[in-house]
Amino acid sequence: MGRSLTDVIASLPQDQQAEIETRYQQMRQEVEGLRELRQIAGKAQEDIATALNIKQPSVSKIEKQADMYLSTLRSYVEAVGGKLELIVQLPGAPALRLDHLGDIAESRRPARTVARRRAAAGA
């Protein structure tokens, strides 16, 4: 009978076992797509549909999209029970976290209100 993967790994030197374990842990943190994210969270498409106030086929469509608005992605991630964070990696610079990028509607309202007040005051 052949050896199991566990037996093969156990026969390797400690430093190689440590590298394998490190890579395994990294791979566990990587998610292929929204469907896998939802499954990890233990949610059904119907659960997400209810949280987003849409129908289940729309959830299926979102999970298959290759491109979407950040606001859609943020809503989906929050419906799964998570929080979306955007990190920008620039060459030679530390990682930068973008805040409020998907909150366009909220960030525009005050600016419009200020512009209206200024226009009303000047009129």
C-alpha atoms as a PDB file:
ATOM      1  CA  MET A   1       0.000   0.000   0.000  1.00  0.00           C
ATOM      2  CA  GLY A   2       1.222   3.524  -0.839  1.00  0.00           C
ATOM      3  CA  ARG A   3       2.179   6.152   1.667  1.00  0.00           C
ATOM      4  CA  SER A   4      -0.230   8.925   2.578  1.00  0.00           C
ATOM      5  CA  LEU A   5       0.585  12.582   2.078  1.00  0.00           C
ATOM      6  CA  THR A   6       0.859  12.953   5.846  1.00  0.00           C
ATOM      7  CA  ASP A   7       3.499  10.196   5.935  1.00  0.00           C
ATOM      8  CA  VAL A   8       5.464  11.790   3.095  1.00  0.00           C
ATOM      9  CA  ILE A   9       5.437  15.203   4.801  1.00  0.00           C
ATOM     10  CA  ALA A  10       6.406  13.648   8.148  1.00  0.00           C
ATOM     11  CA  SER A  11       9.477  12.078   6.502  1.00  0.00           C
ATOM     12  CA  LEU A  12      10.779  15.476   5.334  1.00  0.00           C
ATOM     13  CA  PRO A  13      13.245  17.626   7.303  1.00  0.00           C
ATOM     14  CA  GLN A  14      11.691  20.006   9.848  1.00  0.00           C
ATOM     15  CA  ASP A  15      12.472  23.136   7.810  1.00  0.00           C
ATOM     16  CA  GLN A  16      10.635  21.729   4.775  1.00  0.00           C
ATOM     17  CA  GLN A  17       7.696  20.680   6.954  1.00  0.00           C
ATOM     18  CA  ALA A  18       7.555  24.232   8.325  1.00  0.00           C
ATOM     19  CA  GLU A  19       7.547  25.686   4.774  1.00  0.00           C
ATOM     20  CA  ILE A  20       4.735  23.341   3.755  1.00  0.00           C
ATOM     21  CA  GLU A  21       2.698  24.303   6.833  1.00  0.00           C
ATOM     22  CA  THR A  22       3.267  28.016   6.189  1.00  0.00           C
ATOM     23  CA  ARG A  23       2.124  27.708   2.571  1.00  0.00           C
ATOM     24  CA  TYR A  24      -0.859  25.615   3.639  1.00  0.00           C
ATOM     25  CA  GLN A  25      -1.948  28.331   6.081  1.00  0.00           C
ATOM     26  CA  GLN A  26      -1.520  30.993   3.372  1.00  0.00           C
ATOM     27  CA  MET A  27      -3.641  28.988   0.936  1.00  0.00           C
ATOM     28  CA  ARG A  28      -6.362  28.584   3.556  1.00  0.00           C
ATOM     29  CA  GLN A  29      -6.602  32.380   3.683  1.00  0.00           C
ATOM     30  CA  GLU A  30      -7.083  32.689  -0.092  1.00  0.00           C
ATOM     31  CA  VAL A  31     -10.608  32.554  -1.448  1.00  0.00           C
ATOM     32  CA  GLU A  32     -11.376  31.795  -5.097  1.00  0.00           C
ATOM     33  CA  GLY A  33     -14.560  33.831  -5.304  1.00  0.00           C
ATOM     34  CA  LEU A  34     -17.722  35.072  -3.667  1.00  0.00           C
ATOM     35  CA  ARG A  35     -19.391  31.651  -3.766  1.00  0.00           C
ATOM     36  CA  GLU A  36     -16.553  30.134  -1.737  1.00  0.00           C
ATOM     37  CA  LEU A  37     -16.639  33.097   0.657  1.00  0.00           C
ATOM     38  CA  ARG A  38     -20.352  32.523   1.222  1.00  0.00           C
ATOM     39  CA  GLN A  39     -19.823  28.802   1.774  1.00  0.00           C
ATOM     40  CA  ILE A  40     -17.030  29.426   4.290  1.00  0.00           C
ATOM     41  CA  ALA A  41     -19.434  31.708   6.171  1.00  0.00           C
ATOM     42  CA  GLY A  42     -22.003  28.888   6.165  1.00  0.00           C
ATOM     43  CA  LYS A  43     -24.615  30.927   4.313  1.00  0.00           C
ATOM     44  CA  ALA A  44     -26.988  29.919   1.524  1.00  0.00           C
ATOM     45  CA  GLN A  45     -27.710  32.117  -1.473  1.00  0.00           C
ATOM     46  CA  GLU A  46     -31.201  32.637  -0.058  1.00  0.00           C
ATOM     47  CA  ASP A  47     -29.664  34.038   3.162  1.00  0.00           C
ATOM     48  CA  ILE A  48     -27.657  36.554   1.154  1.00  0.00           C
ATOM     49  CA  ALA A  49     -30.691  37.421  -0.976  1.00  0.00           C
ATOM     50  CA  THR A  50     -32.731  38.150   2.138  1.00  0.00           C
ATOM     51  CA  ALA A  51     -29.970  40.331   3.624  1.00  0.00           C
ATOM     52  CA  LEU A  52     -29.605  42.290   0.373  1.00  0.00           C
ATOM     53  CA  ASN A  53     -33.357  42.464  -0.244  1.00  0.00           C
ATOM     54  CA  ILE A  54     -32.993  40.830  -3.671  1.00  0.00           C
ATOM     55  CA  LYS A  55     -34.009  37.495  -5.164  1.00  0.00           C
ATOM     56  CA  GLN A  56     -31.822  34.375  -5.029  1.00  0.00           C
ATOM     57  CA  PRO A  57     -31.096  34.319  -8.801  1.00  0.00           C
ATOM     58  CA  SER A  58     -29.596  37.798  -8.426  1.00  0.00           C
ATOM     59  CA  VAL A  59     -27.186  36.447  -5.795  1.00  0.00           C
ATOM     60  CA  SER A  60     -26.154  33.714  -8.223  1.00  0.00           C
ATOM     61  CA  LYS A  61     -25.529  36.368 -10.876  1.00  0.00           C
ATOM     62  CA  ILE A  62     -23.407  38.459  -8.496  1.00  0.00           C
ATOM     63  CA  GLU A  63     -21.305  35.407  -7.594  1.00  0.00           C
ATOM     64  CA  LYS A  64     -20.566  34.765 -11.286  1.00  0.00           C
ATOM     65  CA  GLN A  65     -19.649  38.352 -12.180  1.00  0.00           C
ATOM     66  CA  ALA A  66     -16.027  39.068 -13.026  1.00  0.00           C
ATOM     67  CA  ASP A  67     -16.479  42.820 -12.595  1.00  0.00           C
ATOM     68  CA  MET A  68     -18.784  44.763 -10.294  1.00  0.00           C
ATOM     69  CA  TYR A  69     -19.186  47.999  -8.401  1.00  0.00           C
ATOM     70  CA  LEU A  70     -17.361  48.258  -5.100  1.00  0.00           C
ATOM     71  CA  SER A  71     -20.658  49.079  -3.444  1.00  0.00           C
ATOM     72  CA  THR A  72     -22.095  45.759  -4.678  1.00  0.00           C
ATOM     73  CA  LEU A  73     -19.058  43.863  -3.420  1.00  0.00           C
ATOM     74  CA  ARG A  74     -19.188  45.678  -0.069  1.00  0.00           C
ATOM     75  CA  SER A  75     -22.891  44.900   0.355  1.00  0.00           C
ATOM     76  CA  TYR A  76     -22.332  41.242  -0.511  1.00  0.00           C
ATOM     77  CA  VAL A  77     -19.401  40.890   1.913  1.00  0.00           C
ATOM     78  CA  GLU A  78     -21.407  42.553   4.688  1.00  0.00           C
ATOM     79  CA  ALA A  79     -24.369  40.235   3.964  1.00  0.00           C
ATOM     80  CA  VAL A  80     -21.995  37.287   4.427  1.00  0.00           C
ATOM     81  CA  GLY A  81     -21.023  38.804   7.772  1.00  0.00           C
ATOM     82  CA  GLY A  82     -17.688  40.285   6.790  1.00  0.00           C
ATOM     83  CA  LYS A  83     -16.091  43.668   6.260  1.00  0.00           C
ATOM     84  CA  LEU A  84     -14.491  44.772   2.994  1.00  0.00           C
ATOM     85  CA  GLU A  85     -11.125  46.512   3.193  1.00  0.00           C
ATOM     86  CA  LEU A  86      -9.202  47.799   0.179  1.00  0.00           C
ATOM     87  CA  ILE A  87      -5.423  47.710   0.360  1.00  0.00           C
ATOM     88  CA  VAL A  88      -3.233  49.352  -2.294  1.00  0.00           C
ATOM     89  CA  GLN A  89       0.281  48.015  -2.811  1.00  0.00           C
ATOM     90  CA  LEU A  90       2.549  50.583  -4.502  1.00  0.00           C
ATOM     91  CA  PRO A  91       6.166  49.774  -5.398  1.00  0.00           C
ATOM     92  CA  GLY A  92       8.538  51.014  -2.729  1.00  0.00           C
ATOM     93  CA  ALA A  93       5.766  52.201  -0.420  1.00  0.00           C
ATOM     94  CA  PRO A  94       3.998  50.658   2.541  1.00  0.00           C
ATOM     95  CA  ALA A  95       0.544  49.190   1.996  1.00  0.00           C
ATOM     96  CA  LEU A  96      -2.163  51.849   1.945  1.00  0.00           C
ATOM     97  CA  ARG A  97      -5.708  51.238   3.102  1.00  0.00           C
ATOM     98  CA  LEU A  98      -8.457  53.038   1.184  1.00  0.00           C
ATOM     99  CA  ASP A  99     -11.391  54.087   3.324  1.00  0.00           C
ATOM    100  CA  HIS A 100     -14.822  55.176   2.131  1.00  0.00           C
ATOM    101  CA  LEU A 101     -14.140  54.476  -1.554  1.00  0.00           C
ATOM    102  CA  GLY A 102     -17.383  52.556  -1.947  1.00  0.00           C
ATOM    103  CA  ASP A 103     -19.371  55.112   0.046  1.00  0.00           C
ATOM    104  CA  ILE A 104     -19.824  57.458  -2.909  1.00  0.00           C
ATOM    105  CA  ALA A 105     -23.471  58.254  -2.237  1.00  0.00           C
ATOM    106  CA  GLU A 106     -22.762  59.209   1.368  1.00  0.00           C
ATOM    107  CA  SER A 107     -19.701  61.307   0.566  1.00  0.00           C
ATOM    108  CA  ARG A 108     -21.482  63.271  -2.175  1.00  0.00           C
ATOM    109  CA  ARG A 109     -24.516  64.274  -0.145  1.00  0.00           C
ATOM    110  CA  PRO A 110     -22.717  66.710   2.176  1.00  0.00           C
ATOM    111  CA  ALA A 111     -20.834  68.290  -0.748  1.00  0.00           C
ATOM    112  CA  ARG A 112     -24.060  68.880  -2.640  1.00  0.00           C
ATOM    113  CA  THR A 113     -25.712  70.272   0.463  1.00  0.00           C
ATOM    114  CA  VAL A 114     -22.798  72.663   1.003  1.00  0.00           C
ATOM    115  CA  ALA A 115     -22.900  73.717  -2.661  1.00  0.00           C
ATOM    116  CA  ARG A 116     -26.654  74.343  -2.456  1.00  0.00           C
ATOM    117  CA  ARG A 117     -26.250  76.391   0.717  1.00  0.00           C
ATOM    118  CA  ARG A 118     -23.508  78.472  -0.904  1.00  0.00           C
ATOM    119  CA  ALA A 119     -25.629  79.016  -4.008  1.00  0.00           C
ATOM    120  CA  ALA A 120     -28.629  80.003  -1.906  1.00  0.00           C
ATOM    121  CA  ALA A 121     -26.532  82.388   0.165  1.00  0.00           C
ATOM    122  CA  GLY A 122     -25.089  84.026  -2.961  1.00  0.00           C
ATOM    123  CA  ALA A 123     -28.462  84.363  -4.677  1.00  0.00           C
END
